[in-house]
Amino acid sequence: MDTKKEVLSLLDEVLSLGGAAARFDLDTPLLGALPDLDSMAVVGLINMLEEHFGFIVGDDEIDGSTFASVGSLVEFVNAKLA
């Protein structure tokens, strides 16, 4: 499974980026860099990640650093899948 590709696909869908997320790399900043990634979008993305990957995210498991970059988000998902 290509976690990065799947995370980018979900990010693209939640933020309606029209395929632009496919060009993001692990260093691409997210929170604060993408205007559409507001608190409601973060909640939507968490819900999509839970549904797609089959895990549950506890409130105490995430903070702003989780969404700092594509890499930090992919790392979080990989840790949940481990």
Protein backbone atom coordinates (compact mmCIF):
# COMPACT_ATOMS: atom_id res chain seq x y z
CA MET A 1 0.00 0.00 0.00
CA ASP A 2 1.27 3.49 -0.89
CA THR A 3 0.17 5.44 2.18
CA LYS A 4 1.39 8.77 0.80
CA LYS A 5 -0.61 8.36 -2.41
CA GLU A 6 -3.75 7.40 -0.50
CA VAL A 7 -3.38 10.27 2.00
CA LEU A 8 -2.90 12.73 -0.87
CA SER A 9 -5.98 11.38 -2.61
CA LEU A 10 -8.07 11.89 0.53
CA LEU A 11 -6.60 15.34 1.05
CA ASP A 12 -7.44 16.22 -2.53
CA GLU A 13 -11.00 15.02 -2.07
CA VAL A 14 -11.64 16.77 1.26
CA LEU A 15 -10.19 20.09 0.08
CA SER A 16 -11.55 19.84 -3.49
CA LEU A 17 -8.10 20.48 -4.93
CA GLY A 18 -8.89 19.05 -8.36
CA GLY A 19 -5.88 16.74 -8.45
CA ALA A 20 -3.35 19.33 -7.23
CA ALA A 21 -2.45 17.23 -4.18
CA ALA A 22 -0.86 14.62 -6.45
CA ARG A 23 2.02 17.08 -6.95
CA PHE A 24 2.65 17.46 -3.20
CA ASP A 25 5.75 15.85 -1.72
CA LEU A 26 6.51 14.89 1.88
CA ASP A 27 7.88 18.38 2.64
CA THR A 28 4.77 20.21 1.39
CA PRO A 29 3.38 22.26 4.29
CA LEU A 30 -0.31 21.82 5.07
CA LEU A 31 -1.73 23.59 8.11
CA GLY A 32 -1.29 27.32 7.64
CA ALA A 33 -0.16 26.90 4.03
CA LEU A 34 -3.41 25.67 2.48
CA PRO A 35 -6.19 28.22 3.06
CA ASP A 36 -8.89 25.55 2.67
CA LEU A 37 -7.40 23.41 5.46
CA ASP A 38 -9.35 25.00 8.30
CA SER A 39 -10.65 23.34 11.46
CA MET A 40 -13.72 21.93 9.71
CA ALA A 41 -11.58 20.50 6.90
CA VAL A 42 -9.26 18.91 9.48
CA VAL A 43 -12.25 17.19 11.11
CA GLY A 44 -13.44 16.01 7.70
CA LEU A 45 -9.99 14.72 6.82
CA ILE A 46 -9.69 12.84 10.11
CA ASN A 47 -13.08 11.23 9.46
CA MET A 48 -12.01 10.23 5.95
CA LEU A 49 -8.72 8.80 7.22
CA GLU A 50 -10.56 6.76 9.86
CA GLU A 51 -13.06 5.45 7.32
CA HIS A 52 -10.51 4.72 4.59
CA PHE A 53 -7.82 3.09 6.72
CA GLY A 54 -10.07 1.52 9.37
CA PHE A 55 -8.63 3.07 12.51
CA ILE A 56 -9.93 5.42 15.19
CA VAL A 57 -8.19 8.68 16.08
CA GLY A 58 -8.49 9.71 19.71
CA ASP A 59 -8.69 13.40 20.59
CA ASP A 60 -5.45 13.10 22.54
CA GLU A 61 -3.57 11.58 19.57
CA ILE A 62 -3.47 14.62 17.33
CA ASP A 63 -2.36 18.22 17.43
CA GLY A 64 -1.26 20.81 14.92
CA SER A 65 2.05 19.08 14.30
CA THR A 66 0.20 16.08 12.81
CA PHE A 67 -0.97 18.35 9.98
CA ALA A 68 2.24 20.39 9.64
CA SER A 69 3.24 18.72 6.38
CA VAL A 70 2.35 15.87 4.08
CA GLY A 71 5.20 13.89 5.67
CA SER A 72 3.94 14.37 9.24
CA LEU A 73 0.44 13.31 8.21
CA VAL A 74 1.71 10.23 6.35
CA GLU A 75 3.91 9.37 9.35
CA PHE A 76 0.87 9.62 11.64
CA VAL A 77 -1.20 7.32 9.39
CA ASN A 78 1.65 4.80 9.15
CA ALA A 79 1.98 4.77 12.94
CA LYS A 80 -1.76 4.14 13.29
CA LEU A 81 -1.53 1.27 10.80
CA ALA A 82 1.47 -0.35 12.52
